[in-house]
C-alpha atoms as a PDB file:
ATOM      1  CA  UNK A   1      48.724  54.900 161.048  1.00  0.00           C
ATOM      2  CA  UNK A   2      49.331  53.376 157.661  1.00  0.00           C
ATOM      3  CA  UNK A   3      47.219  56.150 156.125  1.00  0.00           C
ATOM      4  CA  UNK A   4      49.335  58.793 157.841  1.00  0.00           C
ATOM      5  CA  UNK A   5      52.515  57.100 156.608  1.00  0.00           C
ATOM      6  CA  UNK A   6      51.186  57.034 153.051  1.00  0.00           C
ATOM      7  CA  UNK A   7      50.291  60.736 153.298  1.00  0.00           C
ATOM      8  CA  UNK A   8      53.772  61.627 154.617  1.00  0.00           C
ATOM      9  CA  UNK A   9      55.436  59.586 151.879  1.00  0.00           C
ATOM     10  CA  UNK A  10      53.310  61.246 149.224  1.00  0.00           C
ATOM     11  CA  UNK A  11      54.165  64.690 150.625  1.00  0.00           C
ATOM     12  CA  UNK A  12      57.934  63.938 150.493  1.00  0.00           C
ATOM     13  CA  UNK A  13      57.597  62.683 146.928  1.00  0.00           C
ATOM     14  CA  UNK A  14      55.710  65.817 145.912  1.00  0.00           C
ATOM     15  CA  UNK A  15      58.327  68.032 147.570  1.00  0.00           C
ATOM     16  CA  UNK A  16      61.218  66.213 145.870  1.00  0.00           C
ATOM     17  CA  UNK A  17      59.455  66.470 142.527  1.00  0.00           C
ATOM     18  CA  UNK A  18      58.936  70.208 142.929  1.00  0.00           C
ATOM     19  CA  UNK A  19      62.618  70.667 143.912  1.00  0.00           C
ATOM     20  CA  UNK A  20      63.792  68.594 140.949  1.00  0.00           C
ATOM     21  CA  UNK A  21      61.509  70.500 138.576  1.00  0.00           C
ATOM     22  CA  UNK A  22      62.810  73.849 139.838  1.00  0.00           C
ATOM     23  CA  UNK A  23      66.413  72.734 139.358  1.00  0.00           C
ATOM     24  CA  UNK A  24      65.615  71.521 135.855  1.00  0.00           C
ATOM     25  CA  UNK A  25      64.093  74.890 134.956  1.00  0.00           C
ATOM     26  CA  UNK A  26      67.125  76.769 136.330  1.00  0.00           C
ATOM     27  CA  UNK A  27      69.535  74.553 134.417  1.00  0.00           C
ATOM     28  CA  UNK A  28      67.548  75.020 131.231  1.00  0.00           C
ATOM     29  CA  UNK A  29      67.507  78.791 131.671  1.00  0.00           C
ATOM     30  CA  UNK A  30      71.230  78.934 132.385  1.00  0.00           C
ATOM     31  CA  UNK A  31      71.896  76.937 129.236  1.00  0.00           C
ATOM     32  CA  UNK A  32      69.855  79.412 127.218  1.00  0.00           C
ATOM     33  CA  UNK A  33      71.704  82.443 128.610  1.00  0.00           C
ATOM     34  CA  UNK A  34      74.026  84.080 126.103  1.00  0.00           C
ATOM     35  CA  UNK A  35      77.709  83.604 126.832  1.00  0.00           C
ATOM     36  CA  UNK A  36      79.848  86.790 126.834  1.00  0.00           C
ATOM     37  CA  UNK A  37      80.776  87.710 123.270  1.00  0.00           C
ATOM     38  CA  UNK A  38      84.460  87.671 122.364  1.00  0.00           C
ATOM     39  CA  UNK A  39      85.895  90.355 120.087  1.00  0.00           C
ATOM     40  CA  UNK A  40      86.483  89.200 116.561  1.00  0.00           C
ATOM     41  CA  UNK A  41      90.217  88.698 115.854  1.00  0.00           C
ATOM     42  CA  UNK A  42      91.734  91.367 113.601  1.00  0.00           C
ATOM     43  CA  UNK A  43      92.914  89.906 110.258  1.00  0.00           C
ATOM     44  CA  UNK A  44      96.635  90.462 109.722  1.00  0.00           C
ATOM     45  CA  UNK A  45      99.160  90.275 106.887  1.00  0.00           C
ATOM     46  CA  UNK A  46     102.925  90.538 106.443  1.00  0.00           C
ATOM     47  CA  UNK A  47     104.504  93.878 105.555  1.00  0.00           C
ATOM     48  CA  UNK A  48     107.655  93.518 103.485  1.00  0.00           C
ATOM     49  CA  UNK A  49     110.075  96.025 102.055  1.00  0.00           C
ATOM     50  CA  UNK A  50     113.611  97.058 101.176  1.00  0.00           C
ATOM     51  CA  UNK A  51     115.820  99.857 102.510  1.00  0.00           C
ATOM     52  CA  UNK A  52     118.127 101.642 100.050  1.00  0.00           C
ATOM     53  CA  UNK A  53     120.923 104.031 101.054  1.00  0.00           C
ATOM     54  CA  UNK A  54     121.474 107.471  99.423  1.00  0.00           C
ATOM     55  CA  UNK A  55     123.499 105.811  96.635  1.00  0.00           C
ATOM     56  CA  UNK A  56     120.717 103.330  95.868  1.00  0.00           C
ATOM     57  CA  UNK A  57     122.638 100.444  97.451  1.00  0.00           C
ATOM     58  CA  UNK A  58     120.866  97.901  99.665  1.00  0.00           C
ATOM     59  CA  UNK A  59     121.174  99.181 103.246  1.00  0.00           C
ATOM     60  CA  UNK A  60     121.824  95.949 105.124  1.00  0.00           C
ATOM     61  CA  UNK A  61     121.661  96.561 108.877  1.00  0.00           C
ATOM     62  CA  UNK A  62     119.469  99.672 108.600  1.00  0.00           C
ATOM     63  CA  UNK A  63     116.994 100.220 111.422  1.00  0.00           C
ATOM     64  CA  UNK A  64     113.312 100.178 110.492  1.00  0.00           C
ATOM     65  CA  UNK A  65     110.319 101.490 112.439  1.00  0.00           C
ATOM     66  CA  UNK A  66     106.733 100.824 111.347  1.00  0.00           C
ATOM     67  CA  UNK A  67     103.884 102.790 112.949  1.00  0.00           C
ATOM     68  CA  UNK A  68     100.189 103.036 112.143  1.00  0.00           C
ATOM     69  CA  UNK A  69      99.055 106.443 110.858  1.00  0.00           C
ATOM     70  CA  UNK A  70      96.008 106.247 113.119  1.00  0.00           C
ATOM     71  CA  UNK A  71      94.200 103.936 115.503  1.00  0.00           C
ATOM     72  CA  UNK A  72      93.390 100.463 114.116  1.00  0.00           C
ATOM     73  CA  UNK A  73      90.954  98.361 116.109  1.00  0.00           C
ATOM     74  CA  UNK A  74      91.103 100.959 118.883  1.00  0.00           C
ATOM     75  CA  UNK A  75      94.911 100.795 119.223  1.00  0.00           C
ATOM     76  CA  UNK A  76      98.029 102.337 117.742  1.00  0.00           C
ATOM     77  CA  UNK A  77     100.534  99.822 116.384  1.00  0.00           C
ATOM     78  CA  UNK A  78     104.328  99.938 116.163  1.00  0.00           C
ATOM     79  CA  UNK A  79     107.103  97.508 115.278  1.00  0.00           C
ATOM     80  CA  UNK A  80     110.858  97.752 114.849  1.00  0.00           C
ATOM     81  CA  UNK A  81     113.096  95.628 112.666  1.00  0.00           C
ATOM     82  CA  UNK A  82     116.559  95.488 111.145  1.00  0.00           C
ATOM     83  CA  UNK A  83     117.069  95.232 107.403  1.00  0.00           C
ATOM     84  CA  UNK A  84     118.779  91.983 106.466  1.00  0.00           C
ATOM     85  CA  UNK A  85     120.454  90.707 103.318  1.00  0.00           C
ATOM     86  CA  UNK A  86     119.814  93.043 100.345  1.00  0.00           C
ATOM     87  CA  UNK A  87     118.198  95.529 102.706  1.00  0.00           C
ATOM     88  CA  UNK A  88     115.060  93.443 103.124  1.00  0.00           C
ATOM     89  CA  UNK A  89     112.737  93.446 106.123  1.00  0.00           C
ATOM     90  CA  UNK A  90     109.543  91.589 106.918  1.00  0.00           C
ATOM     91  CA  UNK A  91     107.002  92.164 109.711  1.00  0.00           C
ATOM     92  CA  UNK A  92     104.279  89.566 110.334  1.00  0.00           C
ATOM     93  CA  UNK A  93     100.982  90.149 112.143  1.00  0.00           C
ATOM     94  CA  UNK A  94     100.275  93.607 110.710  1.00  0.00           C
ATOM     95  CA  UNK A  95      96.563  94.549 110.552  1.00  0.00           C
ATOM     96  CA  UNK A  96      94.990  96.153 107.494  1.00  0.00           C
ATOM     97  CA  UNK A  97      95.612  99.884 107.307  1.00  0.00           C
ATOM     98  CA  UNK A  98      98.083 102.619 106.426  1.00  0.00           C
ATOM     99  CA  UNK A  99     101.543 102.621 108.012  1.00  0.00           C
ATOM    100  CA  UNK A 100     104.541 104.953 108.144  1.00  0.00           C
ATOM    101  CA  UNK A 101     107.769 103.076 107.449  1.00  0.00           C
ATOM    102  CA  UNK A 102     110.898 104.896 108.651  1.00  0.00           C
ATOM    103  CA  UNK A 103     114.416 103.704 107.874  1.00  0.00           C
ATOM    104  CA  UNK A 104     117.719 105.091 109.112  1.00  0.00           C
ATOM    105  CA  UNK A 105     121.380 104.069 109.211  1.00  0.00           C
ATOM    106  CA  UNK A 106     122.726 107.002 111.249  1.00  0.00           C
ATOM    107  CA  UNK A 107     121.165 109.749 113.336  1.00  0.00           C
ATOM    108  CA  UNK A 108     120.902 112.034 110.297  1.00  0.00           C
ATOM    109  CA  UNK A 109     120.578 109.598 107.375  1.00  0.00           C
ATOM    110  CA  UNK A 110     116.990 108.434 107.018  1.00  0.00           C
ATOM    111  CA  UNK A 111     113.874 108.245 104.922  1.00  0.00           C
ATOM    112  CA  UNK A 112     110.162 107.501 105.101  1.00  0.00           C
ATOM    113  CA  UNK A 113     107.676 105.612 102.954  1.00  0.00           C
ATOM    114  CA  UNK A 114     103.954 104.963 103.385  1.00  0.00           C
ATOM    115  CA  UNK A 115     102.748 101.363 103.127  1.00  0.00           C
ATOM    116  CA  UNK A 116      99.223 100.022 102.730  1.00  0.00           C
ATOM    117  CA  UNK A 117      98.496  96.628 104.290  1.00  0.00           C
ATOM    118  CA  UNK A 118      97.668  94.318 102.634  1.00  0.00           C
ATOM    119  CA  UNK A 119      99.584  95.559  99.648  1.00  0.00           C
ATOM    120  CA  UNK A 120     102.795  95.471  97.665  1.00  0.00           C
ATOM    121  CA  UNK A 121     106.252  95.574  99.246  1.00  0.00           C
ATOM    122  CA  UNK A 122     107.549  99.076  99.970  1.00  0.00           C
ATOM    123  CA  UNK A 123     110.936 100.657  99.239  1.00  0.00           C
ATOM    124  CA  UNK A 124     112.403 103.073 101.794  1.00  0.00           C
ATOM    125  CA  UNK A 125     114.919 105.441 100.191  1.00  0.00           C
ATOM    126  CA  UNK A 126     117.379 107.017 102.618  1.00  0.00           C
ATOM    127  CA  UNK A 127     118.839 110.451 101.995  1.00  0.00           C
ATOM    128  CA  UNK A 128     121.147 113.006 103.595  1.00  0.00           C
ATOM    129  CA  UNK A 129     119.245 115.378 105.852  1.00  0.00           C
ATOM    130  CA  UNK A 130     117.552 118.664 105.314  1.00  0.00           C
ATOM    131  CA  UNK A 131     117.101 121.092 108.189  1.00  0.00           C
ATOM    132  CA  UNK A 132     114.344 122.963 109.986  1.00  0.00           C
ATOM    133  CA  UNK A 133     115.095 126.190 111.807  1.00  0.00           C
ATOM    134  CA  UNK A 134     112.840 128.368 113.883  1.00  0.00           C
ATOM    135  CA  UNK A 135     112.098 129.924 117.234  1.00  0.00           C
ATOM    136  CA  UNK A 136     110.236 128.378 120.173  1.00  0.00           C
ATOM    137  CA  UNK A 137     109.406 130.511 123.209  1.00  0.00           C
ATOM    138  CA  UNK A 138     107.650 130.194 126.549  1.00  0.00           C
ATOM    139  CA  UNK A 139     105.156 133.039 126.897  1.00  0.00           C
ATOM    140  CA  UNK A 140     106.088 135.188 129.873  1.00  0.00           C
ATOM    141  CA  UNK A 141     109.551 133.668 130.306  1.00  0.00           C
ATOM    142  CA  UNK A 142     112.901 135.430 129.870  1.00  0.00           C
ATOM    143  CA  UNK A 143     115.446 132.675 129.290  1.00  0.00           C
ATOM    144  CA  UNK A 144     114.128 130.445 126.480  1.00  0.00           C
ATOM    145  CA  UNK A 145     116.842 127.793 126.620  1.00  0.00           C
ATOM    146  CA  UNK A 146     116.057 124.095 127.050  1.00  0.00           C
ATOM    147  CA  UNK A 147     112.769 123.874 125.150  1.00  0.00           C
ATOM    148  CA  UNK A 148     112.703 120.438 123.499  1.00  0.00           C
ATOM    149  CA  UNK A 149     111.910 120.592 119.777  1.00  0.00           C
ATOM    150  CA  UNK A 150     111.373 117.451 117.711  1.00  0.00           C
ATOM    151  CA  UNK A 151     109.829 116.262 114.474  1.00  0.00           C
ATOM    152  CA  UNK A 152     107.973 112.999 113.982  1.00  0.00           C
ATOM    153  CA  UNK A 153     111.003 111.049 112.764  1.00  0.00           C
ATOM    154  CA  UNK A 154     113.227 108.874 114.990  1.00  0.00           C
ATOM    155  CA  UNK A 155     116.062 110.766 116.724  1.00  0.00           C
ATOM    156  CA  UNK A 156     115.147 114.135 115.159  1.00  0.00           C
ATOM    157  CA  UNK A 157     115.333 116.189 118.349  1.00  0.00           C
ATOM    158  CA  UNK A 158     117.121 119.246 119.704  1.00  0.00           C
ATOM    159  CA  UNK A 159     116.794 122.030 122.309  1.00  0.00           C
ATOM    160  CA  UNK A 160     116.592 125.819 122.064  1.00  0.00           C
ATOM    161  CA  UNK A 161     119.208 128.385 123.035  1.00  0.00           C
ATOM    162  CA  UNK A 162     118.557 131.306 125.388  1.00  0.00           C
ATOM    163  CA  UNK A 163     116.773 133.218 122.599  1.00  0.00           C
ATOM    164  CA  UNK A 164     114.581 130.237 121.689  1.00  0.00           C
ATOM    165  CA  UNK A 165     116.378 129.469 118.431  1.00  0.00           C
ATOM    166  CA  UNK A 166     116.769 125.888 117.215  1.00  0.00           C
ATOM    167  CA  UNK A 167     118.065 123.943 114.241  1.00  0.00           C
ATOM    168  CA  UNK A 168     116.560 120.506 113.679  1.00  0.00           C
ATOM    169  CA  UNK A 169     117.382 117.885 111.063  1.00  0.00           C
ATOM    170  CA  UNK A 170     114.898 115.822 109.069  1.00  0.00           C
ATOM    171  CA  UNK A 171     114.781 113.884 105.797  1.00  0.00           C
ATOM    172  CA  UNK A 172     112.999 115.550 102.871  1.00  0.00           C
ATOM    173  CA  UNK A 173     109.236 115.491 103.358  1.00  0.00           C
ATOM    174  CA  UNK A 174     106.475 117.062 105.449  1.00  0.00           C
ATOM    175  CA  UNK A 175     107.009 116.894 109.192  1.00  0.00           C
ATOM    176  CA  UNK A 176     105.151 117.852 112.320  1.00  0.00           C
ATOM    177  CA  UNK A 177     107.450 119.892 114.567  1.00  0.00           C
ATOM    178  CA  UNK A 178     106.604 119.885 118.280  1.00  0.00           C
ATOM    179  CA  UNK A 179     107.907 122.149 121.043  1.00  0.00           C
ATOM    180  CA  UNK A 180     107.641 120.884 124.613  1.00  0.00           C
ATOM    181  CA  UNK A 181     108.573 122.304 128.010  1.00  0.00           C
ATOM    182  CA  UNK A 182     107.376 121.204 131.481  1.00  0.00           C
ATOM    183  CA  UNK A 183     104.614 123.459 132.773  1.00  0.00           C
ATOM    184  CA  UNK A 184     103.626 124.614 129.273  1.00  0.00           C
ATOM    185  CA  UNK A 185     101.199 123.334 126.649  1.00  0.00           C
ATOM    186  CA  UNK A 186     103.016 121.697 123.720  1.00  0.00           C
ATOM    187  CA  UNK A 187     102.712 123.407 120.328  1.00  0.00           C
ATOM    188  CA  UNK A 188     102.862 121.774 116.877  1.00  0.00           C
ATOM    189  CA  UNK A 189     103.395 123.166 113.362  1.00  0.00           C
ATOM    190  CA  UNK A 190     103.879 121.484 109.968  1.00  0.00           C
ATOM    191  CA  UNK A 191     107.034 122.092 107.918  1.00  0.00           C
ATOM    192  CA  UNK A 192     108.104 120.937 104.432  1.00  0.00           C
ATOM    193  CA  UNK A 193     111.754 120.028 103.827  1.00  0.00           C
ATOM    194  CA  UNK A 194     112.107 120.174 100.058  1.00  0.00           C
ATOM    195  CA  UNK A 195     115.396 118.353  99.436  1.00  0.00           C
ATOM    196  CA  UNK A 196     118.601 117.133 101.118  1.00  0.00           C
ATOM    197  CA  UNK A 197     120.637 120.084 102.349  1.00  0.00           C
ATOM    198  CA  UNK A 198     117.708 122.524 102.221  1.00  0.00           C
ATOM    199  CA  UNK A 199     116.738 124.500 105.319  1.00  0.00           C
ATOM    200  CA  UNK A 200     113.034 125.145 105.945  1.00  0.00           C
ATOM    201  CA  UNK A 201     111.800 127.990 108.154  1.00  0.00           C
ATOM    202  CA  UNK A 202     109.121 126.923 110.637  1.00  0.00           C
ATOM    203  CA  UNK A 203     106.378 129.145 112.012  1.00  0.00           C
ATOM    204  CA  UNK A 204     107.267 130.422 115.479  1.00  0.00           C
ATOM    205  CA  UNK A 205     106.238 128.051 118.280  1.00  0.00           C
ATOM    206  CA  UNK A 206     104.768 129.887 121.291  1.00  0.00           C
ATOM    207  CA  UNK A 207     104.076 127.801 124.396  1.00  0.00           C
ATOM    208  CA  UNK A 208     101.264 128.875 126.695  1.00  0.00           C
ATOM    209  CA  UNK A 209     101.600 128.232 130.447  1.00  0.00           C
ATOM    210  CA  UNK A 210      99.702 125.120 131.491  1.00  0.00           C
ATOM    211  CA  UNK A 211      97.192 126.159 134.152  1.00  0.00           C
ATOM    212  CA  UNK A 212      95.781 122.673 134.724  1.00  0.00           C
ATOM    213  CA  UNK A 213      95.968 121.722 138.444  1.00  0.00           C
END
């Protein structure tokens, strides 16, 4: 009987040792497993600048919009700010890249500068508007009124009349003009506004029906 007891005790000890050894191996393997990698944080800087009105005076209270020219780190970036004392603005947490800096003090008084981050402070010079005129039409439609036409500057937006004609404002510079109407594919052309008060003629915008289900 004592021999049987010793055998049973030895068997339990062997079983416990095997169980303990298996747990130890599993714990060791789990410790060696690679933890999920975290994306590296994007280095950022502060973008600073000054807004000047058409007379070259500091435009305190001017609205400022900063937008990346393209995707940075897989995302598009945008900030808004208000120019403070002496027309100054400052945006922290801006990643390295190229940014469009738009300033405006009224719906038709604005200007754009391009800033590189990190880099020197940027001046945004506001000016009276120039204008873009043209025709936007829906292919196959009779009445062409209500087509929304805009350029890539804040608040530069209008609609067409029954003949598809439009007049759009924009500061001097090169702008992308987009025509949009529900049920049609949007169309874009580039237009140069040479100087304040000038009117640029845009290529006709013809919207194709959108056949996507």
